Amino acid sequence: MTAPRSAFGAPPQGGAASGPAEPAPRRPLERVPRRPLHGVLLLDKPLGWSSNDALQKVKGMLRAEKAGHTGTLDPLATGLLPLCFGAATKFSQASLDADKRYTATLKLGERTTTGDREGELTQTRPVAVDRAAIEVACARFTGAIDQLPPMHSALKHEGRKLYDLARAGVEVERTPRRVTIHAIDILRWQADELVIDVRCSKGTYIRTLAEDLGEALGCGAHLSALRRTGSGGLDVAEAISIDELQALEPAAREARLRPPQVLLGDTPEVRLPADEAGRFLTGLRRRVALADAPAVKVFGPGPRDDGAFLGTAHITAGELIPDRLLSPLEVQGSTP
């Protein structure tokens, strides 16, 4: 007598029903609990990472609820990227608007489709320059200048980012933007490589500056490396790398957070007594015997000598008028 066969053509074993083994039930993924953190982490962004990649990595390490960065650095660029957590995100615009400082490396004699080393080579020319010519060219682009934003940028045209249009082979008309180059200093020059230190206003495109300097020198150029070394009063020397942060214990990572007011640089300070500080935090205007000021940092009493940061305001006709305020919980959380 022929043995019965299962639906898959094989005889059953030991009289038991046959068939594929049932997969083990999947365990639900455990969500890492997030927590409110308030402060600023100065990150030294690594090469090849987008600003958002770096933000999400650090946000996960700190288990932070709310975070944002203060201006995009291209994957090609390294250096200072202030990351804001909790209450500090309210003041990120101050860092976005601050002057910046960069170390830029230019490859002379070559132009590319993107203005940097990631693009395709479009033109080569001999490099026949001397230091005097480089100094004259740098001086030409110092001060208030008009820059044409590059197609390979995050600016938008009719809702689409320019670099998306550029990758699709589309070029659109752009309007020049007024920026200020405070100083360009030559750090190193050898043959076809020029390294410069640039101090500039927000919105300055260093790859455009590299291309313009190359044209002024008659040989063309593209940006081969870029490092942000400063933003407002913040310096990359105070920043930490992702690898260094990863190696720290959780408490030591959190200790790297600086208070939100570091984003405000040398903005003037106003200090209020306890009763006035409480009223200010509710959004009420306060009378002060101070001169008009477009922006001030406001502090109340706190456990530290510098007090507790309450937010920002402006002063008009003897009135302290709140602009951006911390909540009482944020004041407590952002005061060590």
C-alpha atoms as a PDB file:
ATOM      1  CA  MET A   1       0.000   0.000   0.000  1.00  0.00           C
ATOM      2  CA  THR A   2       1.338   3.414  -0.941  1.00  0.00           C
ATOM      3  CA  ALA A   3       2.018   5.768   1.956  1.00  0.00           C
ATOM      4  CA  PRO A   4      -0.111   8.919   1.968  1.00  0.00           C
ATOM      5  CA  ARG A   5       1.654  12.026   0.735  1.00  0.00           C
ATOM      6  CA  SER A   6       1.480  15.537   2.082  1.00  0.00           C
ATOM      7  CA  ALA A   7       0.447  18.560   0.082  1.00  0.00           C
ATOM      8  CA  PHE A   8       4.178  19.175  -0.636  1.00  0.00           C
ATOM      9  CA  GLY A   9       4.697  15.647  -2.113  1.00  0.00           C
ATOM     10  CA  ALA A  10       6.707  14.120   0.760  1.00  0.00           C
ATOM     11  CA  PRO A  11       5.408  11.352   2.986  1.00  0.00           C
ATOM     12  CA  PRO A  12       4.481  12.499   6.485  1.00  0.00           C
ATOM     13  CA  GLN A  13       6.986  11.577   9.205  1.00  0.00           C
ATOM     14  CA  GLY A  14       5.845   9.682  12.271  1.00  0.00           C
ATOM     15  CA  GLY A  15       2.212  10.168  11.416  1.00  0.00           C
ATOM     16  CA  ALA A  16       2.448  13.908  12.177  1.00  0.00           C
ATOM     17  CA  ALA A  17       1.150  16.512   9.769  1.00  0.00           C
ATOM     18  CA  SER A  18       3.933  17.794   7.557  1.00  0.00           C
ATOM     19  CA  GLY A  19       4.619  21.222   6.036  1.00  0.00           C
ATOM     20  CA  PRO A  20       6.938  24.202   6.428  1.00  0.00           C
ATOM     21  CA  ALA A  21       7.915  25.137   9.956  1.00  0.00           C
ATOM     22  CA  GLU A  22       6.035  28.064  11.406  1.00  0.00           C
ATOM     23  CA  PRO A  23       8.310  31.113  11.639  1.00  0.00           C
ATOM     24  CA  ALA A  24       9.032  32.279  15.144  1.00  0.00           C
ATOM     25  CA  PRO A  25       6.868  35.268  16.048  1.00  0.00           C
ATOM     26  CA  ARG A  26       8.695  38.561  15.701  1.00  0.00           C
ATOM     27  CA  ARG A  27       9.317  40.487  18.854  1.00  0.00           C
ATOM     28  CA  PRO A  28       8.067  44.041  18.555  1.00  0.00           C
ATOM     29  CA  LEU A  29      10.860  46.575  18.224  1.00  0.00           C
ATOM     30  CA  GLU A  30      11.487  48.388  21.474  1.00  0.00           C
ATOM     31  CA  ARG A  31      11.299  52.140  21.102  1.00  0.00           C
ATOM     32  CA  VAL A  32      14.095  54.003  22.793  1.00  0.00           C
ATOM     33  CA  PRO A  33      12.475  56.421  25.258  1.00  0.00           C
ATOM     34  CA  ARG A  34      13.176  60.064  24.457  1.00  0.00           C
ATOM     35  CA  ARG A  35      13.595  62.810  27.014  1.00  0.00           C
ATOM     36  CA  PRO A  36      13.602  66.604  27.088  1.00  0.00           C
ATOM     37  CA  LEU A  37      17.105  68.043  26.821  1.00  0.00           C
ATOM     38  CA  HIS A  38      17.933  71.724  26.523  1.00  0.00           C
ATOM     39  CA  GLY A  39      21.226  73.019  25.195  1.00  0.00           C
ATOM     40  CA  VAL A  40      23.683  73.220  22.322  1.00  0.00           C
ATOM     41  CA  LEU A  41      26.204  70.615  21.248  1.00  0.00           C
ATOM     42  CA  LEU A  42      29.134  71.832  19.181  1.00  0.00           C
ATOM     43  CA  LEU A  43      29.758  69.012  16.709  1.00  0.00           C
ATOM     44  CA  ASP A  44      32.735  68.611  14.393  1.00  0.00           C
ATOM     45  CA  LYS A  45      30.839  67.171  11.423  1.00  0.00           C
ATOM     46  CA  PRO A  46      32.693  64.402   9.580  1.00  0.00           C
ATOM     47  CA  LEU A  47      33.363  64.263   5.854  1.00  0.00           C
ATOM     48  CA  GLY A  48      30.669  62.558   3.804  1.00  0.00           C
ATOM     49  CA  TRP A  49      27.832  63.074   6.278  1.00  0.00           C
ATOM     50  CA  SER A  50      24.889  65.373   5.613  1.00  0.00           C
ATOM     51  CA  SER A  51      23.984  67.792   8.395  1.00  0.00           C
ATOM     52  CA  ASN A  52      20.759  65.864   8.987  1.00  0.00           C
ATOM     53  CA  ASP A  53      22.635  62.530   9.155  1.00  0.00           C
ATOM     54  CA  ALA A  54      24.820  63.978  11.905  1.00  0.00           C
ATOM     55  CA  LEU A  55      21.843  65.498  13.724  1.00  0.00           C
ATOM     56  CA  GLN A  56      19.875  62.255  13.769  1.00  0.00           C
ATOM     57  CA  LYS A  57      22.894  60.266  14.965  1.00  0.00           C
ATOM     58  CA  VAL A  58      23.572  62.609  17.878  1.00  0.00           C
ATOM     59  CA  LYS A  59      19.872  62.952  18.702  1.00  0.00           C
ATOM     60  CA  GLY A  60      19.729  59.170  19.062  1.00  0.00           C
ATOM     61  CA  MET A  61      22.847  59.053  21.230  1.00  0.00           C
ATOM     62  CA  LEU A  62      21.392  61.638  23.609  1.00  0.00           C
ATOM     63  CA  ARG A  63      17.850  60.188  23.419  1.00  0.00           C
ATOM     64  CA  ALA A  64      16.600  63.741  22.894  1.00  0.00           C
ATOM     65  CA  GLU A  65      12.978  64.606  22.117  1.00  0.00           C
ATOM     66  CA  LYS A  66      13.497  67.723  20.024  1.00  0.00           C
ATOM     67  CA  ALA A  67      16.532  68.781  18.010  1.00  0.00           C
ATOM     68  CA  GLY A  68      17.634  70.835  15.020  1.00  0.00           C
ATOM     69  CA  HIS A  69      20.819  72.140  13.422  1.00  0.00           C
ATOM     70  CA  THR A  70      21.854  75.698  12.655  1.00  0.00           C
ATOM     71  CA  GLY A  71      22.551  75.724   8.944  1.00  0.00           C
ATOM     72  CA  THR A  72      23.472  73.060   6.447  1.00  0.00           C
ATOM     73  CA  LEU A  73      27.005  71.898   5.779  1.00  0.00           C
ATOM     74  CA  ASP A  74      27.394  69.954   2.529  1.00  0.00           C
ATOM     75  CA  PRO A  75      28.651  66.348   2.815  1.00  0.00           C
ATOM     76  CA  LEU A  76      31.908  67.599   1.237  1.00  0.00           C
ATOM     77  CA  ALA A  77      32.422  69.989   4.159  1.00  0.00           C
ATOM     78  CA  THR A  78      33.622  69.227   7.686  1.00  0.00           C
ATOM     79  CA  GLY A  79      33.752  71.303  10.820  1.00  0.00           C
ATOM     80  CA  LEU A  80      31.572  73.252  13.190  1.00  0.00           C
ATOM     81  CA  LEU A  81      27.886  72.313  13.239  1.00  0.00           C
ATOM     82  CA  PRO A  82      26.015  73.599  16.313  1.00  0.00           C
ATOM     83  CA  LEU A  83      23.157  71.207  17.174  1.00  0.00           C
ATOM     84  CA  CYS A  84      20.247  72.591  19.193  1.00  0.00           C
ATOM     85  CA  PHE A  85      18.155  70.598  21.650  1.00  0.00           C
ATOM     86  CA  GLY A  86      14.867  71.520  23.286  1.00  0.00           C
ATOM     87  CA  ALA A  87      14.710  75.172  24.311  1.00  0.00           C
ATOM     88  CA  ALA A  88      17.842  75.984  22.304  1.00  0.00           C
ATOM     89  CA  THR A  89      15.918  75.417  19.040  1.00  0.00           C
ATOM     90  CA  LYS A  90      14.042  78.663  19.777  1.00  0.00           C
ATOM     91  CA  PHE A  91      17.262  80.606  19.234  1.00  0.00           C
ATOM     92  CA  SER A  92      18.752  78.736  16.275  1.00  0.00           C
ATOM     93  CA  GLN A  93      17.989  81.646  13.938  1.00  0.00           C
ATOM     94  CA  ALA A  94      20.615  83.736  15.725  1.00  0.00           C
ATOM     95  CA  SER A  95      23.252  81.179  14.731  1.00  0.00           C
ATOM     96  CA  LEU A  96      21.893  80.974  11.186  1.00  0.00           C
ATOM     97  CA  ASP A  97      22.259  84.761  10.890  1.00  0.00           C
ATOM     98  CA  ALA A  98      25.750  84.877  12.419  1.00  0.00           C
ATOM     99  CA  ASP A  99      28.964  85.461  10.490  1.00  0.00           C
ATOM    100  CA  LYS A 100      30.860  82.320   9.520  1.00  0.00           C
ATOM    101  CA  ARG A 101      34.522  81.351   9.135  1.00  0.00           C
ATOM    102  CA  TYR A 102      35.940  78.707   6.795  1.00  0.00           C
ATOM    103  CA  THR A 103      39.189  77.138   5.711  1.00  0.00           C
ATOM    104  CA  ALA A 104      38.800  76.556   1.973  1.00  0.00           C
ATOM    105  CA  THR A 105      41.126  74.586  -0.288  1.00  0.00           C
ATOM    106  CA  LEU A 106      41.053  75.547  -3.966  1.00  0.00           C
ATOM    107  CA  LYS A 107      42.336  73.454  -6.863  1.00  0.00           C
ATOM    108  CA  LEU A 108      43.625  75.964  -9.383  1.00  0.00           C
ATOM    109  CA  GLY A 109      43.514  75.317 -13.115  1.00  0.00           C
ATOM    110  CA  GLU A 110      40.368  73.150 -13.127  1.00  0.00           C
ATOM    111  CA  ARG A 111      36.666  73.934 -13.381  1.00  0.00           C
ATOM    112  CA  THR A 112      33.937  71.393 -12.642  1.00  0.00           C
ATOM    113  CA  THR A 113      30.203  71.143 -13.239  1.00  0.00           C
ATOM    114  CA  THR A 114      29.403  71.669  -9.553  1.00  0.00           C
ATOM    115  CA  GLY A 115      32.163  74.081  -8.565  1.00  0.00           C
ATOM    116  CA  ASP A 116      33.669  71.457  -6.247  1.00  0.00           C
ATOM    117  CA  ARG A 117      35.575  68.203  -6.504  1.00  0.00           C
ATOM    118  CA  GLU A 118      32.401  66.115  -6.730  1.00  0.00           C
ATOM    119  CA  GLY A 119      31.552  67.473 -10.181  1.00  0.00           C
ATOM    120  CA  GLU A 120      32.791  66.452 -13.596  1.00  0.00           C
ATOM    121  CA  LEU A 121      35.823  68.218 -14.990  1.00  0.00           C
ATOM    122  CA  THR A 122      34.775  70.737 -17.634  1.00  0.00           C
ATOM    123  CA  GLN A 123      37.907  72.792 -18.279  1.00  0.00           C
ATOM    124  CA  THR A 124      41.629  72.787 -17.540  1.00  0.00           C
ATOM    125  CA  ARG A 125      43.969  75.743 -17.933  1.00  0.00           C
ATOM    126  CA  PRO A 126      47.611  76.330 -17.062  1.00  0.00           C
ATOM    127  CA  VAL A 127      48.323  77.911 -13.685  1.00  0.00           C
ATOM    128  CA  ALA A 128      50.680  80.848 -14.050  1.00  0.00           C
ATOM    129  CA  VAL A 129      50.175  83.010 -10.969  1.00  0.00           C
ATOM    130  CA  ASP A 130      52.279  84.499  -8.204  1.00  0.00           C
ATOM    131  CA  ARG A 131      51.451  85.460  -4.647  1.00  0.00           C
ATOM    132  CA  ALA A 132      50.969  89.110  -5.541  1.00  0.00           C
ATOM    133  CA  ALA A 133      48.301  88.168  -8.097  1.00  0.00           C
ATOM    134  CA  ILE A 134      46.547  85.970  -5.514  1.00  0.00           C
ATOM    135  CA  GLU A 135      46.560  88.811  -2.975  1.00  0.00           C
ATOM    136  CA  VAL A 136      45.076  91.206  -5.540  1.00  0.00           C
ATOM    137  CA  ALA A 137      42.345  88.698  -6.413  1.00  0.00           C
ATOM    138  CA  CYS A 138      41.483  88.104  -2.755  1.00  0.00           C
ATOM    139  CA  ALA A 139      41.267  91.851  -2.149  1.00  0.00           C
ATOM    140  CA  ARG A 140      38.927  92.188  -5.134  1.00  0.00           C
ATOM    141  CA  PHE A 141      36.372  89.916  -3.435  1.00  0.00           C
ATOM    142  CA  THR A 142      36.679  91.439   0.033  1.00  0.00           C
ATOM    143  CA  GLY A 143      33.817  93.640   1.226  1.00  0.00           C
ATOM    144  CA  ALA A 144      30.204  93.723   0.061  1.00  0.00           C
ATOM    145  CA  ILE A 145      29.856  91.754  -3.184  1.00  0.00           C
ATOM    146  CA  ASP A 146      27.094  90.224  -5.291  1.00  0.00           C
ATOM    147  CA  GLN A 147      27.150  86.443  -5.668  1.00  0.00           C
ATOM    148  CA  LEU A 148      25.156  84.366  -8.118  1.00  0.00           C
ATOM    149  CA  PRO A 149      23.890  81.311  -6.189  1.00  0.00           C
ATOM    150  CA  PRO A 150      25.157  78.075  -7.780  1.00  0.00           C
ATOM    151  CA  MET A 151      22.741  75.627  -9.370  1.00  0.00           C
ATOM    152  CA  HIS A 152      24.096  72.982  -7.027  1.00  0.00           C
ATOM    153  CA  SER A 153      22.603  74.559  -3.901  1.00  0.00           C
ATOM    154  CA  ALA A 154      19.619  74.033  -1.612  1.00  0.00           C
ATOM    155  CA  LEU A 155      17.836  77.198  -2.737  1.00  0.00           C
ATOM    156  CA  LYS A 156      14.405  76.553  -4.217  1.00  0.00           C
ATOM    157  CA  HIS A 157      12.865  77.516  -7.552  1.00  0.00           C
ATOM    158  CA  GLU A 158       9.093  77.011  -7.788  1.00  0.00           C
ATOM    159  CA  GLY A 159       9.214  74.585  -4.896  1.00  0.00           C
ATOM    160  CA  ARG A 160      12.126  72.481  -6.167  1.00  0.00           C
ATOM    161  CA  LYS A 161      15.687  72.603  -4.840  1.00  0.00           C
ATOM    162  CA  LEU A 162      18.196  73.916  -7.345  1.00  0.00           C
ATOM    163  CA  TYR A 163      20.480  70.898  -7.015  1.00  0.00           C
ATOM    164  CA  ASP A 164      17.583  68.613  -7.985  1.00  0.00           C
ATOM    165  CA  LEU A 165      17.031  70.696 -11.112  1.00  0.00           C
ATOM    166  CA  ALA A 166      20.770  70.695 -11.834  1.00  0.00           C
ATOM    167  CA  ARG A 167      20.931  66.901 -11.599  1.00  0.00           C
ATOM    168  CA  ALA A 168      18.075  66.746 -14.117  1.00  0.00           C
ATOM    169  CA  GLY A 169      20.077  68.928 -16.501  1.00  0.00           C
ATOM    170  CA  VAL A 170      17.894  71.997 -15.973  1.00  0.00           C
ATOM    171  CA  GLU A 171      19.374  75.438 -15.359  1.00  0.00           C
ATOM    172  CA  VAL A 172      17.177  78.321 -14.214  1.00  0.00           C
ATOM    173  CA  GLU A 173      17.750  82.031 -13.863  1.00  0.00           C
ATOM    174  CA  ARG A 174      18.968  83.081 -10.418  1.00  0.00           C
ATOM    175  CA  THR A 175      19.124  86.495  -8.805  1.00  0.00           C
ATOM    176  CA  PRO A 176      22.489  87.660  -7.425  1.00  0.00           C
ATOM    177  CA  ARG A 177      22.614  88.010  -3.646  1.00  0.00           C
ATOM    178  CA  ARG A 178      24.518  90.619  -1.676  1.00  0.00           C
ATOM    179  CA  VAL A 179      26.946  89.103   0.833  1.00  0.00           C
ATOM    180  CA  THR A 180      29.910  90.458   2.755  1.00  0.00           C
ATOM    181  CA  ILE A 181      33.393  88.954   2.789  1.00  0.00           C
ATOM    182  CA  HIS A 182      35.047  90.446   5.863  1.00  0.00           C
ATOM    183  CA  ALA A 183      38.512  89.037   5.141  1.00  0.00           C
ATOM    184  CA  ILE A 184      40.353  86.516   2.985  1.00  0.00           C
ATOM    185  CA  ASP A 185      43.772  85.445   4.242  1.00  0.00           C
ATOM    186  CA  ILE A 186      46.182  83.179   2.373  1.00  0.00           C
ATOM    187  CA  LEU A 187      47.137  80.256   4.604  1.00  0.00           C
ATOM    188  CA  ARG A 188      49.110  78.237   2.086  1.00  0.00           C
ATOM    189  CA  TRP A 189      49.842  78.273  -1.634  1.00  0.00           C
ATOM    190  CA  GLN A 190      51.861  75.764  -3.592  1.00  0.00           C
ATOM    191  CA  ALA A 191      51.620  75.197  -7.346  1.00  0.00           C
ATOM    192  CA  ASP A 192      47.940  74.490  -8.088  1.00  0.00           C
ATOM    193  CA  GLU A 193      46.659  74.331  -4.488  1.00  0.00           C
ATOM    194  CA  LEU A 194      45.550  77.434  -2.598  1.00  0.00           C
ATOM    195  CA  VAL A 195      44.306  77.341   0.998  1.00  0.00           C
ATOM    196  CA  ILE A 196      42.525  80.423   2.327  1.00  0.00           C
ATOM    197  CA  ASP A 197      40.840  81.525   5.552  1.00  0.00           C
ATOM    198  CA  VAL A 198      37.493  83.223   4.826  1.00  0.00           C
ATOM    199  CA  ARG A 199      35.429  85.294   7.254  1.00  0.00           C
ATOM    200  CA  CYS A 200      32.054  86.125   5.767  1.00  0.00           C
ATOM    201  CA  SER A 201      28.402  86.901   6.309  1.00  0.00           C
ATOM    202  CA  LYS A 202      25.632  84.324   6.287  1.00  0.00           C
ATOM    203  CA  GLY A 203      24.561  83.093   2.864  1.00  0.00           C
ATOM    204  CA  THR A 204      28.045  83.238   1.329  1.00  0.00           C
ATOM    205  CA  TYR A 205      28.738  80.426  -1.136  1.00  0.00           C
ATOM    206  CA  ILE A 206      32.364  79.427  -0.758  1.00  0.00           C
ATOM    207  CA  ARG A 207      32.306  77.275  -3.914  1.00  0.00           C
ATOM    208  CA  THR A 208      31.165  80.352  -5.855  1.00  0.00           C
ATOM    209  CA  LEU A 209      33.968  82.372  -4.257  1.00  0.00           C
ATOM    210  CA  ALA A 210      36.436  79.654  -5.309  1.00  0.00           C
ATOM    211  CA  GLU A 211      35.223  79.772  -8.913  1.00  0.00           C
ATOM    212  CA  ASP A 212      35.279  83.590  -8.971  1.00  0.00           C
ATOM    213  CA  LEU A 213      38.814  83.697  -7.567  1.00  0.00           C
ATOM    214  CA  GLY A 214      39.895  81.200 -10.216  1.00  0.00           C
ATOM    215  CA  GLU A 215      38.484  83.370 -12.990  1.00  0.00           C
ATOM    216  CA  ALA A 216      40.108  86.475 -11.534  1.00  0.00           C
ATOM    217  CA  LEU A 217      43.448  84.609 -11.625  1.00  0.00           C
ATOM    218  CA  GLY A 218      42.837  83.573 -15.248  1.00  0.00           C
ATOM    219  CA  CYS A 219      43.180  79.844 -14.612  1.00  0.00           C
ATOM    220  CA  GLY A 220      39.867  78.731 -13.178  1.00  0.00           C
ATOM    221  CA  ALA A 221      39.419  76.851  -9.916  1.00  0.00           C
ATOM    222  CA  HIS A 222      37.104  74.610  -7.945  1.00  0.00           C
ATOM    223  CA  LEU A 223      36.631  73.912  -4.260  1.00  0.00           C
ATOM    224  CA  SER A 224      38.446  70.725  -3.264  1.00  0.00           C
ATOM    225  CA  ALA A 225      37.910  70.870   0.520  1.00  0.00           C
ATOM    226  CA  LEU A 226      35.981  73.015   2.985  1.00  0.00           C
ATOM    227  CA  ARG A 227      36.028  73.216   6.773  1.00  0.00           C
ATOM    228  CA  ARG A 228      33.827  75.524   8.857  1.00  0.00           C
ATOM    229  CA  THR A 229      35.947  76.803  11.715  1.00  0.00           C
ATOM    230  CA  GLY A 230      33.627  79.364  13.286  1.00  0.00           C
ATOM    231  CA  SER A 231      30.025  80.535  13.585  1.00  0.00           C
ATOM    232  CA  GLY A 232      29.369  83.757  15.455  1.00  0.00           C
ATOM    233  CA  GLY A 233      31.357  83.474  18.665  1.00  0.00           C
ATOM    234  CA  LEU A 234      31.609  79.666  18.480  1.00  0.00           C
ATOM    235  CA  ASP A 235      34.825  77.923  17.431  1.00  0.00           C
ATOM    236  CA  VAL A 236      35.481  74.452  16.039  1.00  0.00           C
ATOM    237  CA  ALA A 237      38.252  74.021  18.631  1.00  0.00           C
ATOM    238  CA  GLU A 238      35.457  73.569  21.197  1.00  0.00           C
ATOM    239  CA  ALA A 239      33.612  70.967  19.108  1.00  0.00           C
ATOM    240  CA  ILE A 240      33.535  67.185  19.536  1.00  0.00           C
ATOM    241  CA  SER A 241      33.535  64.514  16.833  1.00  0.00           C
ATOM    242  CA  ILE A 242      30.865  61.848  16.525  1.00  0.00           C
ATOM    243  CA  ASP A 243      33.406  59.136  17.360  1.00  0.00           C
ATOM    244  CA  GLU A 244      34.531  61.004  20.494  1.00  0.00           C
ATOM    245  CA  LEU A 245      30.924  61.518  21.560  1.00  0.00           C
ATOM    246  CA  GLN A 246      30.132  57.835  20.955  1.00  0.00           C
ATOM    247  CA  ALA A 247      32.996  56.806  23.248  1.00  0.00           C
ATOM    248  CA  LEU A 248      31.612  58.789  26.216  1.00  0.00           C
ATOM    249  CA  GLU A 249      29.291  57.514  28.905  1.00  0.00           C
ATOM    250  CA  PRO A 250      25.708  58.893  28.670  1.00  0.00           C
ATOM    251  CA  ALA A 251      26.234  61.373  31.512  1.00  0.00           C
ATOM    252  CA  ALA A 252      29.449  62.655  29.934  1.00  0.00           C
ATOM    253  CA  ARG A 253      27.683  63.121  26.587  1.00  0.00           C
ATOM    254  CA  GLU A 254      24.988  65.212  28.227  1.00  0.00           C
ATOM    255  CA  ALA A 255      27.679  67.241  30.000  1.00  0.00           C
ATOM    256  CA  ARG A 256      28.895  68.402  26.568  1.00  0.00           C
ATOM    257  CA  LEU A 257      25.703  70.434  26.137  1.00  0.00           C
ATOM    258  CA  ARG A 258      26.178  74.156  26.474  1.00  0.00           C
ATOM    259  CA  PRO A 259      23.380  76.539  27.531  1.00  0.00           C
ATOM    260  CA  PRO A 260      21.049  77.911  24.817  1.00  0.00           C
ATOM    261  CA  GLN A 261      22.355  81.472  25.159  1.00  0.00           C
ATOM    262  CA  VAL A 262      25.714  80.537  23.607  1.00  0.00           C
ATOM    263  CA  LEU A 263      23.926  80.910  20.258  1.00  0.00           C
ATOM    264  CA  LEU A 264      23.386  84.596  20.971  1.00  0.00           C
ATOM    265  CA  GLY A 265      27.065  85.513  21.117  1.00  0.00           C
ATOM    266  CA  ASP A 266      27.827  88.970  22.489  1.00  0.00           C
ATOM    267  CA  THR A 267      24.196  90.181  22.506  1.00  0.00           C
ATOM    268  CA  PRO A 268      23.834  92.608  25.468  1.00  0.00           C
ATOM    269  CA  GLU A 269      22.459  91.224  28.740  1.00  0.00           C
ATOM    270  CA  VAL A 270      19.659  92.441  30.986  1.00  0.00           C
ATOM    271  CA  ARG A 271      19.264  91.073  34.528  1.00  0.00           C
ATOM    272  CA  LEU A 272      15.955  91.157  36.366  1.00  0.00           C
ATOM    273  CA  PRO A 273      15.156  90.588  40.067  1.00  0.00           C
ATOM    274  CA  ALA A 274      13.010  87.580  40.953  1.00  0.00           C
ATOM    275  CA  ASP A 275       9.617  89.359  40.930  1.00  0.00           C
ATOM    276  CA  GLU A 276      10.308  91.084  37.608  1.00  0.00           C
ATOM    277  CA  ALA A 277      11.708  87.881  36.082  1.00  0.00           C
ATOM    278  CA  GLY A 278       8.496  86.011  36.874  1.00  0.00           C
ATOM    279  CA  ARG A 279       6.359  88.678  35.223  1.00  0.00           C
ATOM    280  CA  PHE A 280       8.668  88.814  32.205  1.00  0.00           C
ATOM    281  CA  LEU A 281       8.279  85.041  31.702  1.00  0.00           C
ATOM    282  CA  THR A 282       4.512  85.500  31.413  1.00  0.00           C
ATOM    283  CA  GLY A 283       5.101  87.801  28.433  1.00  0.00           C
ATOM    284  CA  LEU A 284       4.533  91.113  30.204  1.00  0.00           C
ATOM    285  CA  ARG A 285       6.535  94.171  29.214  1.00  0.00           C
ATOM    286  CA  ARG A 286       8.725  95.604  31.956  1.00  0.00           C
ATOM    287  CA  ARG A 287       9.939  99.157  32.519  1.00  0.00           C
ATOM    288  CA  VAL A 288      13.745  99.455  32.440  1.00  0.00           C
ATOM    289  CA  ALA A 289      16.098 102.407  32.671  1.00  0.00           C
ATOM    290  CA  LEU A 290      18.093 101.290  29.654  1.00  0.00           C
ATOM    291  CA  ALA A 291      18.777 102.616  26.156  1.00  0.00           C
ATOM    292  CA  ASP A 292      16.943 101.215  23.150  1.00  0.00           C
ATOM    293  CA  ALA A 293      18.378  97.926  21.865  1.00  0.00           C
ATOM    294  CA  PRO A 294      17.215  95.681  19.009  1.00  0.00           C
ATOM    295  CA  ALA A 295      18.057  92.501  20.930  1.00  0.00           C
ATOM    296  CA  VAL A 296      19.061  91.594  24.483  1.00  0.00           C
ATOM    297  CA  LYS A 297      19.510  88.387  26.494  1.00  0.00           C
ATOM    298  CA  VAL A 298      17.413  88.401  29.654  1.00  0.00           C
ATOM    299  CA  PHE A 299      18.424  86.653  32.877  1.00  0.00           C
ATOM    300  CA  GLY A 300      16.794  86.178  36.257  1.00  0.00           C
ATOM    301  CA  PRO A 301      18.127  84.818  39.542  1.00  0.00           C
ATOM    302  CA  GLY A 302      19.539  81.306  39.382  1.00  0.00           C
ATOM    303  CA  PRO A 303      21.824  78.856  41.160  1.00  0.00           C
ATOM    304  CA  ARG A 304      24.834  80.022  39.159  1.00  0.00           C
ATOM    305  CA  ASP A 305      26.549  83.375  39.278  1.00  0.00           C
ATOM    306  CA  ASP A 306      25.368  84.187  35.754  1.00  0.00           C
ATOM    307  CA  GLY A 307      21.747  83.484  36.745  1.00  0.00           C
ATOM    308  CA  ALA A 308      19.009  81.716  34.798  1.00  0.00           C
ATOM    309  CA  PHE A 309      18.483  82.494  31.115  1.00  0.00           C
ATOM    310  CA  LEU A 310      14.854  83.530  30.467  1.00  0.00           C
ATOM    311  CA  GLY A 311      14.845  84.419  26.764  1.00  0.00           C
ATOM    312  CA  THR A 312      15.351  87.337  24.408  1.00  0.00           C
ATOM    313  CA  ALA A 313      13.738  90.743  24.142  1.00  0.00           C
ATOM    314  CA  HIS A 314      14.215  94.193  22.678  1.00  0.00           C
ATOM    315  CA  ILE A 315      14.122  97.587  24.377  1.00  0.00           C
ATOM    316  CA  THR A 316      12.063 100.454  23.005  1.00  0.00           C
ATOM    317  CA  ALA A 317      11.318 103.737  24.829  1.00  0.00           C
ATOM    318  CA  GLY A 318      12.235 102.293  28.221  1.00  0.00           C
ATOM    319  CA  GLU A 319      10.213  99.093  27.815  1.00  0.00           C
ATOM    320  CA  LEU A 320      11.682  95.586  27.828  1.00  0.00           C
ATOM    321  CA  ILE A 321       9.526  93.737  25.286  1.00  0.00           C
ATOM    322  CA  PRO A 322       9.737  89.910  25.193  1.00  0.00           C
ATOM    323  CA  ASP A 323      10.575  88.214  21.903  1.00  0.00           C
ATOM    324  CA  ARG A 324      11.428  84.544  22.550  1.00  0.00           C
ATOM    325  CA  LEU A 325      10.741  83.128  25.990  1.00  0.00           C
ATOM    326  CA  LEU A 326      11.592  79.884  27.720  1.00  0.00           C
ATOM    327  CA  SER A 327       8.902  78.090  29.671  1.00  0.00           C
ATOM    328  CA  PRO A 328       9.510  77.650  33.428  1.00  0.00           C
ATOM    329  CA  LEU A 329      10.346  73.968  32.793  1.00  0.00           C
ATOM    330  CA  GLU A 330      12.807  74.950  30.064  1.00  0.00           C
ATOM    331  CA  VAL A 331      14.439  77.517  32.358  1.00  0.00           C
ATOM    332  CA  GLN A 332      14.894  74.813  34.965  1.00  0.00           C
ATOM    333  CA  GLY A 333      16.115  72.227  32.445  1.00  0.00           C
ATOM    334  CA  SER A 334      18.648  74.498  30.761  1.00  0.00           C
ATOM    335  CA  THR A 335      20.187  75.800  34.011  1.00  0.00           C
ATOM    336  CA  PRO A 336      22.908  73.441  35.351  1.00  0.00           C
END
